[in-house]
Amino acid sequence: MSTSDIRAAVDGAIRRHLESRAPSPPPVPAASARTAPPTGHPSHARIPVPDGAASGGPCVIEPTVACVHCGHCQAQGY
């Protein structure tokens, strides 16, 4: 069996497999990361903590610097 025969056999097997699969549903548009409910593990949830960027205020975690919307204060790990 030559290399081209093996390639043709593998290509045919992959094509048959892909044709036999059911079509996947259309993707659902993603919501905003700040408003989307957690999907999957709860550690990915965001806590609604007001940040200081809207008023040019300080960062919640490091008050000596301005808020830059990094989102760390809204994470479960803080």
C-alpha atoms as a PDB file:
ATOM      1  CA  MET A   1       0.000   0.000   0.000  1.00  0.00           C
ATOM      2  CA  SER A   2       1.492   3.332  -1.035  1.00  0.00           C
ATOM      3  CA  THR A   3       1.379   6.640   0.814  1.00  0.00           C
ATOM      4  CA  SER A   4      -1.202   8.026  -1.601  1.00  0.00           C
ATOM      5  CA  ASP A   5      -3.430   4.972  -1.003  1.00  0.00           C
ATOM      6  CA  ILE A   6      -3.228   5.511   2.765  1.00  0.00           C
ATOM      7  CA  ARG A   7      -4.014   9.213   2.378  1.00  0.00           C
ATOM      8  CA  ALA A   8      -7.012   8.421   0.177  1.00  0.00           C
ATOM      9  CA  ALA A   9      -8.307   5.859   2.693  1.00  0.00           C
ATOM     10  CA  VAL A  10      -7.917   8.285   5.624  1.00  0.00           C
ATOM     11  CA  ASP A  11      -9.512  11.141   3.676  1.00  0.00           C
ATOM     12  CA  GLY A  12     -12.448   8.905   2.778  1.00  0.00           C
ATOM     13  CA  ALA A  13     -12.905   7.767   6.381  1.00  0.00           C
ATOM     14  CA  ILE A  14     -12.850  11.355   7.656  1.00  0.00           C
ATOM     15  CA  ARG A  15     -15.300  12.486   4.947  1.00  0.00           C
ATOM     16  CA  ARG A  16     -17.727   9.652   5.799  1.00  0.00           C
ATOM     17  CA  HIS A  17     -17.490  10.434   9.495  1.00  0.00           C
ATOM     18  CA  LEU A  18     -18.158  14.147   8.988  1.00  0.00           C
ATOM     19  CA  GLU A  19     -21.076  13.486   6.634  1.00  0.00           C
ATOM     20  CA  SER A  20     -22.697  11.112   9.135  1.00  0.00           C
ATOM     21  CA  ARG A  21     -22.649  13.638  11.987  1.00  0.00           C
ATOM     22  CA  ALA A  22     -25.779  15.638  12.731  1.00  0.00           C
ATOM     23  CA  PRO A  23     -25.470  19.327  11.919  1.00  0.00           C
ATOM     24  CA  SER A  24     -24.635  21.438  14.939  1.00  0.00           C
ATOM     25  CA  PRO A  25     -27.089  24.119  16.077  1.00  0.00           C
ATOM     26  CA  PRO A  26     -26.257  27.708  15.149  1.00  0.00           C
ATOM     27  CA  PRO A  27     -24.083  29.527  17.699  1.00  0.00           C
ATOM     28  CA  VAL A  28     -25.824  31.653  20.308  1.00  0.00           C
ATOM     29  CA  PRO A  29     -24.552  35.237  20.437  1.00  0.00           C
ATOM     30  CA  ALA A  30     -22.476  35.828  23.547  1.00  0.00           C
ATOM     31  CA  ALA A  31     -23.714  38.305  26.120  1.00  0.00           C
ATOM     32  CA  SER A  32     -21.476  40.900  27.654  1.00  0.00           C
ATOM     33  CA  ALA A  33     -18.907  39.486  30.064  1.00  0.00           C
ATOM     34  CA  ARG A  34     -20.141  41.847  32.776  1.00  0.00           C
ATOM     35  CA  THR A  35     -23.790  40.803  32.475  1.00  0.00           C
ATOM     36  CA  ALA A  36     -23.594  37.200  31.324  1.00  0.00           C
ATOM     37  CA  PRO A  37     -24.510  34.562  33.878  1.00  0.00           C
ATOM     38  CA  PRO A  38     -21.721  32.145  34.695  1.00  0.00           C
ATOM     39  CA  THR A  39     -21.510  29.184  32.383  1.00  0.00           C
ATOM     40  CA  GLY A  40     -19.654  26.179  33.567  1.00  0.00           C
ATOM     41  CA  HIS A  41     -17.685  26.516  36.761  1.00  0.00           C
ATOM     42  CA  PRO A  42     -18.895  29.021  39.394  1.00  0.00           C
ATOM     43  CA  SER A  43     -15.403  30.509  39.708  1.00  0.00           C
ATOM     44  CA  HIS A  44     -15.985  32.242  36.372  1.00  0.00           C
ATOM     45  CA  ALA A  45     -18.848  34.329  37.768  1.00  0.00           C
ATOM     46  CA  ARG A  46     -18.464  38.083  38.185  1.00  0.00           C
ATOM     47  CA  ILE A  47     -19.510  39.893  41.344  1.00  0.00           C
ATOM     48  CA  PRO A  48     -21.184  43.281  40.735  1.00  0.00           C
ATOM     49  CA  VAL A  49     -18.610  45.506  42.439  1.00  0.00           C
ATOM     50  CA  PRO A  50     -18.738  49.188  41.463  1.00  0.00           C
ATOM     51  CA  ASP A  51     -15.428  50.284  40.028  1.00  0.00           C
ATOM     52  CA  GLY A  52     -13.905  53.736  40.184  1.00  0.00           C
ATOM     53  CA  ALA A  53     -13.335  54.239  36.467  1.00  0.00           C
ATOM     54  CA  ALA A  54     -16.684  55.959  35.795  1.00  0.00           C
ATOM     55  CA  SER A  55     -15.770  58.798  38.138  1.00  0.00           C
ATOM     56  CA  GLY A  56     -12.030  58.624  37.571  1.00  0.00           C
ATOM     57  CA  GLY A  57     -11.722  57.119  41.031  1.00  0.00           C
ATOM     58  CA  PRO A  58      -9.166  54.756  42.480  1.00  0.00           C
ATOM     59  CA  CYS A  59      -8.865  51.036  41.986  1.00  0.00           C
ATOM     60  CA  VAL A  60     -10.705  48.980  44.611  1.00  0.00           C
ATOM     61  CA  ILE A  61      -7.706  46.695  45.124  1.00  0.00           C
ATOM     62  CA  GLU A  62      -4.882  49.220  44.768  1.00  0.00           C
ATOM     63  CA  PRO A  63      -6.284  52.628  45.823  1.00  0.00           C
ATOM     64  CA  THR A  64      -3.084  54.512  44.920  1.00  0.00           C
ATOM     65  CA  VAL A  65      -3.751  53.993  41.161  1.00  0.00           C
ATOM     66  CA  ALA A  66      -6.722  54.792  38.922  1.00  0.00           C
ATOM     67  CA  CYS A  67      -9.203  52.035  38.028  1.00  0.00           C
ATOM     68  CA  VAL A  68      -8.490  50.505  34.600  1.00  0.00           C
ATOM     69  CA  HIS A  69     -11.388  47.997  34.417  1.00  0.00           C
ATOM     70  CA  CYS A  70      -9.165  44.935  34.879  1.00  0.00           C
ATOM     71  CA  GLY A  71     -12.082  43.108  36.566  1.00  0.00           C
ATOM     72  CA  HIS A  72      -9.952  41.527  39.291  1.00  0.00           C
ATOM     73  CA  CYS A  73     -12.125  43.025  42.041  1.00  0.00           C
ATOM     74  CA  GLN A  74     -15.167  41.294  40.491  1.00  0.00           C
ATOM     75  CA  ALA A  75     -13.561  37.840  40.414  1.00  0.00           C
ATOM     76  CA  GLN A  76     -14.142  35.113  43.000  1.00  0.00           C
ATOM     77  CA  GLY A  77     -10.420  34.953  43.756  1.00  0.00           C
ATOM     78  CA  TYR A  78     -10.126  38.414  45.329  1.00  0.00           C
END
